[in-house]
């Protein structure tokens, strides 16, 4: 199983990059959803939503660019940690958002998933001497592997 995951490391990079970029774009398309889960202790919730959206978009795109992919991965780790209080706020205060399950079971699974995202991004912080291992875009067009 681990061998299959390693073989598909670059495909998983694309999945993470596209997913986080789409979520970042959603911060601009439907910001009210994200504003609702910003903890009330934090000032300027709309601005924080836009800032996190920008960093999600930059991180997602950056994962696909060889020269910045490691820095982007570290940035995503910092972002996943920074937005964790919003996830806690959503769970603790049972904030319902249409289309997202809010059952206690879902919240129990959702909060630890942030650790999975951090580990996933961490996978791409390791230096590589092979340029093909540094960006999925290159591997998408590589027919020799």
N, C-alpha and C. Protein backbone atom coordinates (compact mmCIF):
# COMPACT_ATOMS: atom_id res chain seq x y z
N UNK A 1 0.83 -1.20 0.00
CA UNK A 1 0.00 0.00 0.00
C UNK A 1 0.87 1.26 0.00
N UNK A 2 1.91 1.27 0.84
CA UNK A 2 2.79 2.44 0.92
C UNK A 2 3.49 2.69 -0.41
N UNK A 3 3.84 1.62 -1.11
CA UNK A 3 4.49 1.75 -2.41
C UNK A 3 3.55 2.41 -3.42
N UNK A 4 2.29 2.05 -3.38
CA UNK A 4 1.29 2.64 -4.27
C UNK A 4 1.16 4.14 -3.97
N UNK A 5 1.12 4.49 -2.70
CA UNK A 5 1.02 5.89 -2.30
C UNK A 5 2.25 6.67 -2.78
N UNK A 6 3.44 6.11 -2.57
CA UNK A 6 4.66 6.79 -3.01
C UNK A 6 4.68 6.96 -4.53
N UNK A 7 4.23 5.95 -5.24
CA UNK A 7 4.20 6.01 -6.70
C UNK A 7 3.26 7.12 -7.16
N UNK A 8 2.23 7.35 -6.42
CA UNK A 8 1.23 8.35 -6.78
C UNK A 8 1.42 9.67 -6.04
N UNK A 9 2.61 9.88 -5.50
CA UNK A 9 2.88 11.10 -4.73
C UNK A 9 2.56 12.36 -5.54
N UNK A 10 2.93 12.35 -6.79
CA UNK A 10 2.70 13.55 -7.60
C UNK A 10 1.24 13.72 -7.97
N UNK A 11 0.52 12.63 -8.16
CA UNK A 11 -0.92 12.73 -8.38
C UNK A 11 -1.58 13.30 -7.12
N UNK A 12 -1.15 12.83 -5.97
CA UNK A 12 -1.69 13.34 -4.71
C UNK A 12 -1.33 14.81 -4.51
N UNK A 13 -0.17 15.23 -5.03
CA UNK A 13 0.20 16.65 -4.98
C UNK A 13 -0.81 17.48 -5.77
N UNK A 14 -1.16 17.00 -6.96
CA UNK A 14 -2.13 17.71 -7.80
C UNK A 14 -3.49 17.77 -7.10
N UNK A 15 -3.89 16.67 -6.50
CA UNK A 15 -5.18 16.64 -5.80
C UNK A 15 -5.19 17.65 -4.66
N UNK A 16 -4.13 17.69 -3.86
CA UNK A 16 -4.05 18.67 -2.77
C UNK A 16 -4.03 20.08 -3.34
N UNK A 17 -3.23 20.31 -4.36
CA UNK A 17 -3.11 21.65 -4.94
C UNK A 17 -4.44 22.15 -5.50
N UNK A 18 -5.12 21.30 -6.25
CA UNK A 18 -6.40 21.70 -6.84
C UNK A 18 -7.44 21.90 -5.75
N UNK A 19 -7.48 20.99 -4.79
CA UNK A 19 -8.47 21.09 -3.71
C UNK A 19 -8.30 22.38 -2.92
N UNK A 20 -7.08 22.67 -2.53
CA UNK A 20 -6.86 23.86 -1.69
C UNK A 20 -7.08 25.13 -2.51
N UNK A 21 -6.77 25.09 -3.80
CA UNK A 21 -7.02 26.26 -4.66
C UNK A 21 -8.52 26.50 -4.80
N UNK A 22 -9.29 25.44 -4.99
CA UNK A 22 -10.75 25.58 -5.10
C UNK A 22 -11.33 26.14 -3.80
N UNK A 23 -10.86 25.62 -2.67
CA UNK A 23 -11.34 26.14 -1.38
C UNK A 23 -10.97 27.61 -1.25
N UNK A 24 -9.77 27.98 -1.67
CA UNK A 24 -9.37 29.38 -1.63
C UNK A 24 -10.27 30.26 -2.49
N UNK A 25 -10.61 29.78 -3.67
CA UNK A 25 -11.51 30.53 -4.54
C UNK A 25 -12.90 30.67 -3.92
N UNK A 26 -13.33 29.63 -3.21
CA UNK A 26 -14.64 29.70 -2.53
C UNK A 26 -14.66 30.79 -1.46
N UNK A 27 -13.51 31.12 -0.90
CA UNK A 27 -13.44 32.21 0.08
C UNK A 27 -13.89 33.54 -0.53
N UNK A 28 -13.74 33.67 -1.83
CA UNK A 28 -14.16 34.88 -2.54
C UNK A 28 -15.55 34.74 -3.13
N UNK A 29 -15.91 33.55 -3.55
CA UNK A 29 -17.22 33.33 -4.16
C UNK A 29 -18.34 33.34 -3.13
N UNK A 30 -18.11 32.71 -1.98
CA UNK A 30 -19.12 32.64 -0.92
C UNK A 30 -18.47 32.92 0.44
N UNK A 31 -17.98 34.14 0.64
CA UNK A 31 -17.25 34.43 1.88
C UNK A 31 -18.08 34.32 3.15
N UNK A 32 -19.38 34.53 3.05
CA UNK A 32 -20.23 34.49 4.25
C UNK A 32 -20.15 33.16 4.98
N UNK A 33 -20.01 32.08 4.22
CA UNK A 33 -19.90 30.75 4.84
C UNK A 33 -18.69 30.70 5.76
N UNK A 34 -17.58 31.23 5.28
CA UNK A 34 -16.34 31.18 6.05
C UNK A 34 -16.34 32.21 7.18
N UNK A 35 -16.97 33.36 6.96
CA UNK A 35 -17.06 34.39 8.00
C UNK A 35 -17.80 33.83 9.21
N UNK A 36 -18.81 33.01 8.97
CA UNK A 36 -19.62 32.46 10.07
C UNK A 36 -18.80 31.62 11.04
N UNK A 37 -17.72 31.00 10.57
CA UNK A 37 -16.96 30.12 11.46
C UNK A 37 -15.72 30.78 12.06
N UNK A 38 -15.44 32.02 11.68
CA UNK A 38 -14.31 32.74 12.28
C UNK A 38 -14.66 33.00 13.74
N UNK A 39 -13.78 32.63 14.67
CA UNK A 39 -14.07 32.88 16.09
C UNK A 39 -14.34 34.36 16.35
N UNK A 40 -15.33 34.64 17.19
CA UNK A 40 -15.75 36.02 17.45
C UNK A 40 -14.65 36.86 18.12
N UNK A 41 -13.65 36.22 18.70
CA UNK A 41 -12.54 36.95 19.32
C UNK A 41 -11.64 37.63 18.29
N UNK A 42 -11.70 37.16 17.07
CA UNK A 42 -10.82 37.71 16.04
C UNK A 42 -11.47 38.90 15.34
N UNK A 43 -10.71 39.98 15.13
CA UNK A 43 -11.27 41.14 14.45
C UNK A 43 -11.28 40.94 12.93
N UNK A 44 -12.10 41.71 12.26
CA UNK A 44 -12.14 41.73 10.80
C UNK A 44 -12.32 40.34 10.16
N UNK A 45 -13.40 39.66 10.50
CA UNK A 45 -13.57 38.29 9.99
C UNK A 45 -13.59 38.20 8.46
N UNK A 46 -14.24 39.14 7.78
CA UNK A 46 -14.28 39.08 6.32
C UNK A 46 -12.88 39.22 5.73
N UNK A 47 -12.11 40.14 6.28
CA UNK A 47 -10.75 40.34 5.79
C UNK A 47 -9.90 39.10 6.05
N UNK A 48 -10.09 38.46 7.19
CA UNK A 48 -9.36 37.23 7.49
C UNK A 48 -9.73 36.11 6.51
N UNK A 49 -10.99 36.06 6.14
CA UNK A 49 -11.43 35.07 5.16
C UNK A 49 -10.75 35.32 3.82
N UNK A 50 -10.70 36.57 3.40
CA UNK A 50 -10.04 36.90 2.13
C UNK A 50 -8.54 36.60 2.19
N UNK A 51 -7.92 36.95 3.29
CA UNK A 51 -6.47 36.69 3.44
C UNK A 51 -6.19 35.19 3.39
N UNK A 52 -6.98 34.41 4.12
CA UNK A 52 -6.76 32.96 4.10
C UNK A 52 -7.04 32.40 2.71
N UNK A 53 -8.02 32.95 2.02
CA UNK A 53 -8.31 32.52 0.66
C UNK A 53 -7.14 32.79 -0.28
N UNK A 54 -6.54 33.95 -0.15
CA UNK A 54 -5.38 34.29 -0.98
C UNK A 54 -4.25 33.30 -0.72
N UNK A 55 -3.98 33.02 0.55
CA UNK A 55 -2.89 32.10 0.87
C UNK A 55 -3.20 30.66 0.45
N UNK A 56 -4.47 30.28 0.48
CA UNK A 56 -4.83 28.95 -0.02
C UNK A 56 -4.58 28.85 -1.53
N UNK A 57 -4.99 29.87 -2.25
CA UNK A 57 -4.77 29.89 -3.70
C UNK A 57 -3.27 29.88 -4.01
N UNK A 58 -2.52 30.75 -3.34
CA UNK A 58 -1.06 30.80 -3.57
C UNK A 58 -0.39 29.47 -3.20
N UNK A 59 -0.82 28.88 -2.10
CA UNK A 59 -0.24 27.61 -1.68
C UNK A 59 -0.55 26.49 -2.65
N UNK A 60 -1.78 26.45 -3.13
CA UNK A 60 -2.16 25.42 -4.09
C UNK A 60 -1.39 25.54 -5.39
N UNK A 61 -1.31 26.74 -5.91
CA UNK A 61 -0.55 26.96 -7.14
C UNK A 61 0.93 26.70 -6.90
N UNK A 62 1.42 27.18 -5.77
CA UNK A 62 2.84 27.02 -5.44
C UNK A 62 3.29 25.58 -5.35
N UNK A 63 2.40 24.69 -4.91
CA UNK A 63 2.75 23.27 -4.85
C UNK A 63 3.13 22.71 -6.21
N UNK A 64 2.65 23.34 -7.26
CA UNK A 64 2.87 22.83 -8.61
C UNK A 64 4.06 23.49 -9.31
N UNK A 65 4.70 24.43 -8.65
CA UNK A 65 5.82 25.15 -9.25
C UNK A 65 7.11 24.69 -8.57
N UNK A 66 8.01 24.03 -9.32
CA UNK A 66 9.19 23.42 -8.71
C UNK A 66 10.01 24.36 -7.81
N UNK A 67 10.21 25.59 -8.23
CA UNK A 67 11.09 26.49 -7.48
C UNK A 67 10.50 26.94 -6.14
N UNK A 68 9.20 26.83 -5.99
CA UNK A 68 8.57 27.29 -4.74
C UNK A 68 7.74 26.20 -4.05
N UNK A 69 7.75 24.99 -4.57
CA UNK A 69 6.84 23.97 -4.04
C UNK A 69 7.11 23.65 -2.57
N UNK A 70 8.38 23.61 -2.16
CA UNK A 70 8.68 23.32 -0.74
C UNK A 70 8.20 24.46 0.15
N UNK A 71 8.45 25.68 -0.27
CA UNK A 71 7.99 26.84 0.51
C UNK A 71 6.47 26.87 0.58
N UNK A 72 5.83 26.54 -0.54
CA UNK A 72 4.36 26.50 -0.56
C UNK A 72 3.83 25.45 0.42
N UNK A 73 4.49 24.31 0.46
CA UNK A 73 4.07 23.25 1.40
C UNK A 73 4.18 23.73 2.84
N UNK A 74 5.29 24.39 3.17
CA UNK A 74 5.45 24.94 4.53
C UNK A 74 4.39 26.00 4.81
N UNK A 75 4.09 26.83 3.80
CA UNK A 75 3.05 27.83 3.96
C UNK A 75 1.69 27.22 4.21
N UNK A 76 1.39 26.13 3.50
CA UNK A 76 0.11 25.45 3.72
C UNK A 76 0.03 24.85 5.12
N UNK A 77 1.14 24.33 5.60
CA UNK A 77 1.15 23.81 6.97
C UNK A 77 0.80 24.92 7.96
N UNK A 78 1.44 26.07 7.79
CA UNK A 78 1.15 27.22 8.66
C UNK A 78 -0.31 27.63 8.53
N UNK A 79 -0.82 27.62 7.32
CA UNK A 79 -2.22 28.00 7.10
C UNK A 79 -3.18 27.01 7.75
N UNK A 80 -2.91 25.71 7.60
CA UNK A 80 -3.77 24.71 8.21
C UNK A 80 -3.81 24.86 9.74
N UNK A 81 -2.68 25.24 10.31
CA UNK A 81 -2.63 25.48 11.76
C UNK A 81 -3.39 26.76 12.10
N UNK A 82 -3.21 27.80 11.29
CA UNK A 82 -3.85 29.09 11.56
C UNK A 82 -5.37 29.03 11.49
N UNK A 83 -5.91 28.23 10.59
CA UNK A 83 -7.37 28.18 10.44
C UNK A 83 -8.03 27.15 11.36
N UNK A 84 -7.23 26.39 12.07
CA UNK A 84 -7.79 25.36 12.96
C UNK A 84 -8.76 25.93 14.00
N UNK A 85 -8.50 27.11 14.57
CA UNK A 85 -9.49 27.67 15.51
C UNK A 85 -10.88 27.87 14.89
N UNK A 86 -10.94 28.16 13.61
CA UNK A 86 -12.26 28.29 12.96
C UNK A 86 -12.96 26.94 12.92
N UNK A 87 -12.20 25.87 12.67
CA UNK A 87 -12.79 24.53 12.67
C UNK A 87 -13.28 24.15 14.06
N UNK A 88 -12.49 24.49 15.06
CA UNK A 88 -12.91 24.23 16.45
C UNK A 88 -14.16 25.03 16.77
N UNK A 89 -14.18 26.29 16.38
CA UNK A 89 -15.33 27.15 16.62
C UNK A 89 -16.59 26.56 15.98
N UNK A 90 -16.45 26.07 14.78
CA UNK A 90 -17.59 25.46 14.09
C UNK A 90 -18.11 24.24 14.84
N UNK A 91 -17.18 23.42 15.34
CA UNK A 91 -17.57 22.20 16.05
C UNK A 91 -18.17 22.52 17.42
N UNK A 92 -17.51 23.36 18.17
CA UNK A 92 -17.95 23.67 19.54
C UNK A 92 -19.29 24.39 19.55
N UNK A 93 -19.46 25.31 18.62
CA UNK A 93 -20.69 26.11 18.59
C UNK A 93 -21.75 25.56 17.63
N UNK A 94 -21.49 24.37 17.09
CA UNK A 94 -22.45 23.70 16.20
C UNK A 94 -22.97 24.63 15.12
N UNK A 95 -22.05 25.28 14.44
CA UNK A 95 -22.42 26.19 13.36
C UNK A 95 -22.77 25.37 12.12
N UNK A 96 -24.00 25.51 11.70
CA UNK A 96 -24.46 24.74 10.55
C UNK A 96 -24.22 25.51 9.26
N UNK A 97 -23.64 24.82 8.31
CA UNK A 97 -23.44 25.38 6.97
C UNK A 97 -24.07 24.40 5.99
N UNK A 98 -24.95 24.90 5.16
CA UNK A 98 -25.63 24.05 4.19
C UNK A 98 -24.62 23.28 3.36
N UNK A 99 -24.88 22.00 3.19
CA UNK A 99 -24.02 21.15 2.38
C UNK A 99 -22.88 20.51 3.14
N UNK A 100 -22.69 20.91 4.39
CA UNK A 100 -21.63 20.32 5.23
C UNK A 100 -22.30 19.66 6.42
N UNK A 101 -22.10 18.36 6.58
CA UNK A 101 -22.71 17.69 7.73
C UNK A 101 -22.24 18.31 9.04
N UNK A 102 -23.14 18.42 9.99
CA UNK A 102 -22.74 18.98 11.28
C UNK A 102 -23.08 18.05 12.45
N UNK A 103 -23.16 16.78 12.15
CA UNK A 103 -23.42 15.81 13.21
C UNK A 103 -22.19 15.71 14.11
N UNK A 104 -22.37 15.31 15.35
CA UNK A 104 -21.22 15.14 16.24
C UNK A 104 -20.18 14.16 15.67
N UNK A 105 -20.64 13.11 15.00
CA UNK A 105 -19.72 12.14 14.40
C UNK A 105 -18.85 12.82 13.36
N UNK A 106 -19.46 13.65 12.49
CA UNK A 106 -18.71 14.34 11.45
C UNK A 106 -17.67 15.27 12.08
N UNK A 107 -18.04 15.96 13.13
CA UNK A 107 -17.10 16.88 13.77
C UNK A 107 -15.93 16.13 14.41
N UNK A 108 -16.20 14.96 14.95
CA UNK A 108 -15.13 14.14 15.54
C UNK A 108 -14.12 13.75 14.46
N UNK A 109 -14.59 13.47 13.27
CA UNK A 109 -13.71 13.09 12.16
C UNK A 109 -13.05 14.33 11.54
N UNK A 110 -13.80 15.40 11.41
CA UNK A 110 -13.33 16.59 10.71
C UNK A 110 -12.15 17.26 11.41
N UNK A 111 -12.19 17.38 12.71
CA UNK A 111 -11.11 18.07 13.42
C UNK A 111 -9.77 17.36 13.27
N UNK A 112 -9.68 16.05 13.48
CA UNK A 112 -8.39 15.38 13.26
C UNK A 112 -7.94 15.38 11.79
N UNK A 113 -8.87 15.57 10.87
CA UNK A 113 -8.50 15.60 9.46
C UNK A 113 -7.53 16.74 9.17
N UNK A 114 -7.56 17.78 10.00
CA UNK A 114 -6.60 18.88 9.83
C UNK A 114 -5.18 18.34 9.98
N UNK A 115 -4.99 17.38 10.87
CA UNK A 115 -3.68 16.74 11.01
C UNK A 115 -3.28 15.98 9.76
N UNK A 116 -4.26 15.37 9.10
CA UNK A 116 -3.99 14.67 7.85
C UNK A 116 -3.54 15.67 6.79
N UNK A 117 -4.20 16.81 6.72
CA UNK A 117 -3.81 17.85 5.76
C UNK A 117 -2.40 18.36 6.04
N UNK A 118 -2.08 18.53 7.30
CA UNK A 118 -0.74 18.98 7.67
C UNK A 118 0.29 17.94 7.25
N UNK A 119 0.03 16.68 7.54
CA UNK A 119 0.95 15.61 7.15
C UNK A 119 1.09 15.52 5.63
N UNK A 120 -0.02 15.70 4.95
CA UNK A 120 -0.03 15.65 3.49
C UNK A 120 0.87 16.75 2.93
N UNK A 121 0.72 17.96 3.42
CA UNK A 121 1.56 19.07 2.96
C UNK A 121 3.02 18.84 3.36
N UNK A 122 3.23 18.29 4.55
CA UNK A 122 4.60 18.05 5.03
C UNK A 122 5.36 17.11 4.09
N UNK A 123 4.65 16.20 3.47
CA UNK A 123 5.24 15.25 2.54
C UNK A 123 6.00 15.97 1.43
N UNK A 124 5.56 17.18 1.10
CA UNK A 124 6.16 17.93 0.00
C UNK A 124 7.20 18.95 0.47
N UNK A 125 7.55 18.91 1.74
CA UNK A 125 8.60 19.82 2.26
C UNK A 125 9.99 19.22 2.14
N UNK A 126 10.05 17.96 1.85
CA UNK A 126 11.34 17.27 1.77
C UNK A 126 12.08 17.70 0.50
N UNK A 127 13.37 17.99 0.62
CA UNK A 127 14.13 18.35 -0.59
C UNK A 127 14.29 17.15 -1.51
N UNK A 128 14.35 17.42 -2.78
CA UNK A 128 14.55 16.37 -3.76
C UNK A 128 15.62 16.79 -4.74
N UNK A 129 16.48 15.85 -5.08
CA UNK A 129 17.51 16.14 -6.07
C UNK A 129 17.00 15.91 -7.48
N UNK A 130 15.86 15.27 -7.60
CA UNK A 130 15.28 14.98 -8.90
C UNK A 130 14.18 15.99 -9.18
N UNK A 131 14.37 16.82 -10.18
CA UNK A 131 13.39 17.86 -10.50
C UNK A 131 12.02 17.27 -10.80
N UNK A 132 11.98 16.04 -11.30
CA UNK A 132 10.69 15.41 -11.60
C UNK A 132 9.88 15.18 -10.33
N UNK A 133 10.55 15.07 -9.19
CA UNK A 133 9.86 14.85 -7.92
C UNK A 133 9.43 16.15 -7.27
N UNK A 134 9.73 17.28 -7.87
CA UNK A 134 9.45 18.56 -7.23
C UNK A 134 8.18 19.23 -7.71
N UNK A 135 7.63 18.77 -8.79
CA UNK A 135 6.39 19.39 -9.25
C UNK A 135 5.60 18.43 -10.12
N UNK A 136 4.35 18.35 -9.82
CA UNK A 136 3.48 17.42 -10.53
C UNK A 136 3.30 17.80 -11.98
N UNK A 137 3.40 19.06 -12.30
CA UNK A 137 3.19 19.49 -13.68
C UNK A 137 4.17 18.77 -14.60
N UNK A 138 5.40 18.65 -14.18
CA UNK A 138 6.41 17.97 -15.00
C UNK A 138 6.02 16.51 -15.19
N UNK A 139 5.61 15.85 -14.12
CA UNK A 139 5.28 14.43 -14.21
C UNK A 139 4.01 14.16 -15.01
N UNK A 140 3.14 15.12 -15.10
CA UNK A 140 1.92 14.92 -15.88
C UNK A 140 2.24 14.73 -17.36
N UNK A 141 3.32 15.33 -17.80
CA UNK A 141 3.69 15.24 -19.20
C UNK A 141 4.83 14.27 -19.45
N UNK A 142 5.29 13.60 -18.43
CA UNK A 142 6.40 12.66 -18.54
C UNK A 142 5.84 11.29 -18.87
N UNK A 143 6.09 10.81 -20.07
CA UNK A 143 5.54 9.53 -20.49
C UNK A 143 6.50 8.37 -20.26
N UNK A 144 7.72 8.65 -19.79
CA UNK A 144 8.71 7.59 -19.57
C UNK A 144 8.54 6.88 -18.24
N UNK A 145 7.77 7.42 -17.29
CA UNK A 145 7.63 6.79 -15.98
C UNK A 145 6.45 5.88 -15.92
